[in-house]
Amino acid sequence: MKTLVLSALLGLFAVAAWAADVTGKWVAQVPGRQGNQELTFNLKQDGNTLTGTITGGRGDQTISDGKVEGDNISFVVNLEFNGNKITQNYKGTVSGDEIKFTRDAGRGPQEFTAKKQ
């Protein structure tokens, strides 16, 4: 029994060691209605929790519900324009110094890549 428990704990530590560390500054050119817009993702990872901001043409937007699961990340940004609330859902896959993102705000998904600075 002790061997089984020890093996399970070692397996968990190995998975944690392979998980991506996304803490830092990431920059992306994101397609929009008026052409590409540069967005800067300032991310901070603490275990499986992800926090931070996205900086772009509308200033800083705080991310919420951020999660890191292996090489996958996800978070939400809640915006308000002229009294209308918009929720943007971000999902990304980390590979080295890139994150391949999909962003969905209810009008169909957009794909773009952020690079670590």
Protein backbone atom coordinates (compact mmCIF):
# COMPACT_ATOMS: atom_id res chain seq x y z
CA MET A 1 0.00 0.00 0.00
CA LYS A 2 2.81 2.41 0.88
CA THR A 3 4.42 1.73 -2.50
CA LEU A 4 1.19 2.58 -4.30
CA VAL A 5 0.79 5.85 -2.40
CA LEU A 6 4.44 6.77 -2.99
CA SER A 7 4.12 6.01 -6.71
CA ALA A 8 1.00 8.17 -6.95
CA LEU A 9 2.71 11.09 -5.21
CA LEU A 10 5.77 10.83 -7.47
CA GLY A 11 3.48 10.82 -10.49
CA LEU A 12 1.76 14.00 -9.31
CA PHE A 13 5.10 15.73 -8.76
CA ALA A 14 6.25 14.69 -12.24
CA VAL A 15 3.12 16.17 -13.85
CA ALA A 16 3.61 19.42 -11.90
CA ALA A 17 7.21 19.62 -13.08
CA TRP A 18 6.12 19.30 -16.75
CA ALA A 19 3.46 21.99 -16.47
CA ALA A 20 4.12 25.18 -18.36
CA ASP A 21 5.16 28.31 -16.46
CA VAL A 22 3.46 31.23 -18.19
CA THR A 23 4.52 33.97 -15.78
CA GLY A 24 5.76 36.98 -17.73
CA LYS A 25 4.97 39.32 -20.59
CA TRP A 26 3.48 37.95 -23.83
CA VAL A 27 2.69 40.04 -26.93
CA ALA A 28 0.26 39.22 -29.76
CA GLN A 29 -1.12 40.81 -32.90
CA VAL A 30 -4.86 40.13 -32.67
CA PRO A 31 -7.13 40.55 -35.70
CA GLY A 32 -9.99 42.99 -35.19
CA ARG A 33 -12.57 45.01 -37.10
CA GLN A 34 -10.09 47.81 -37.69
CA GLY A 35 -7.07 45.62 -38.47
CA ASN A 36 -4.57 44.02 -36.15
CA GLN A 37 -4.31 45.27 -32.59
CA GLU A 38 -1.32 44.63 -30.35
CA LEU A 39 -2.25 43.12 -27.00
CA THR A 40 0.17 42.57 -24.14
CA PHE A 41 -0.61 39.76 -21.71
CA ASN A 42 1.02 40.24 -18.29
CA LEU A 43 0.51 36.86 -16.65
CA LYS A 44 1.35 35.51 -13.20
CA GLN A 45 1.08 31.83 -12.44
CA ASP A 46 0.85 30.50 -8.89
CA GLY A 47 0.50 26.71 -9.10
CA ASN A 48 -2.60 26.08 -11.21
CA THR A 49 -3.96 29.61 -10.71
CA LEU A 50 -3.44 32.30 -13.35
CA THR A 51 -3.90 36.04 -12.78
CA GLY A 52 -2.87 39.16 -14.66
CA THR A 53 -3.94 41.80 -17.13
CA ILE A 54 -4.28 42.37 -20.85
CA THR A 55 -3.14 45.78 -22.11
CA GLY A 56 -4.35 47.13 -25.43
CA GLY A 57 -6.18 50.06 -26.99
CA ARG A 58 -8.71 50.13 -24.15
CA GLY A 59 -6.12 50.16 -21.36
CA ASP A 60 -5.65 47.37 -18.82
CA GLN A 61 -8.26 44.63 -18.51
CA THR A 62 -8.09 42.23 -15.56
CA ILE A 63 -8.33 38.52 -16.24
CA SER A 64 -10.42 36.28 -13.98
CA ASP A 65 -11.02 32.57 -13.50
CA GLY A 66 -7.49 31.86 -14.73
CA LYS A 67 -6.34 28.24 -14.76
CA VAL A 68 -3.24 26.33 -15.83
CA GLU A 69 -3.57 22.63 -16.56
CA GLY A 70 -0.36 21.18 -17.99
CA ASP A 71 0.32 23.13 -21.19
CA ASN A 72 -3.24 24.48 -21.38
CA ILE A 73 -4.37 27.80 -19.95
CA SER A 74 -7.75 29.48 -19.78
CA PHE A 75 -9.19 32.70 -18.40
CA VAL A 76 -12.03 35.19 -18.81
CA VAL A 77 -12.07 38.94 -19.42
CA ASN A 78 -15.28 40.85 -18.67
CA LEU A 79 -15.72 44.11 -20.59
CA GLU A 80 -18.37 46.80 -20.68
CA PHE A 81 -19.11 49.03 -23.69
CA ASN A 82 -21.90 51.61 -23.58
CA GLY A 83 -23.70 49.66 -20.86
CA ASN A 84 -23.32 46.32 -22.66
CA LYS A 85 -21.42 43.56 -20.88
CA ILE A 86 -19.19 41.33 -22.99
CA THR A 87 -17.44 38.20 -21.76
CA GLN A 88 -14.33 37.08 -23.64
CA ASN A 89 -13.22 33.49 -23.05
CA TYR A 90 -9.56 32.75 -23.73
CA LYS A 91 -8.05 29.29 -24.14
CA GLY A 92 -4.42 28.71 -24.99
CA THR A 93 -1.83 26.02 -25.51
CA VAL A 94 1.72 26.81 -24.42
CA SER A 95 4.62 25.59 -26.53
CA GLY A 96 8.03 26.99 -25.59
CA ASP A 97 7.91 30.77 -25.96
CA GLU A 98 4.50 30.84 -27.69
CA ILE A 99 0.89 30.55 -26.64
CA LYS A 100 -1.62 29.64 -29.35
CA PHE A 101 -4.82 31.34 -28.22
CA THR A 102 -8.47 31.02 -29.13
CA ARG A 103 -10.67 33.90 -27.99
CA ASP A 104 -14.45 33.72 -28.11
CA ALA A 105 -16.79 36.57 -27.26
CA GLY A 106 -19.94 35.03 -28.75
CA ARG A 107 -19.26 36.06 -32.36
CA GLY A 108 -17.19 33.02 -33.27
CA PRO A 109 -13.67 32.14 -32.20
CA GLN A 110 -10.54 34.09 -33.17
CA GLU A 111 -7.13 32.46 -33.22
CA PHE A 112 -3.81 34.20 -32.68
CA THR A 113 -0.37 33.54 -31.21
CA ALA A 114 1.34 35.41 -28.37
CA LYS A 115 5.12 35.38 -28.00
CA LYS A 116 7.01 35.68 -24.73
CA GLN A 117 9.06 38.87 -24.40
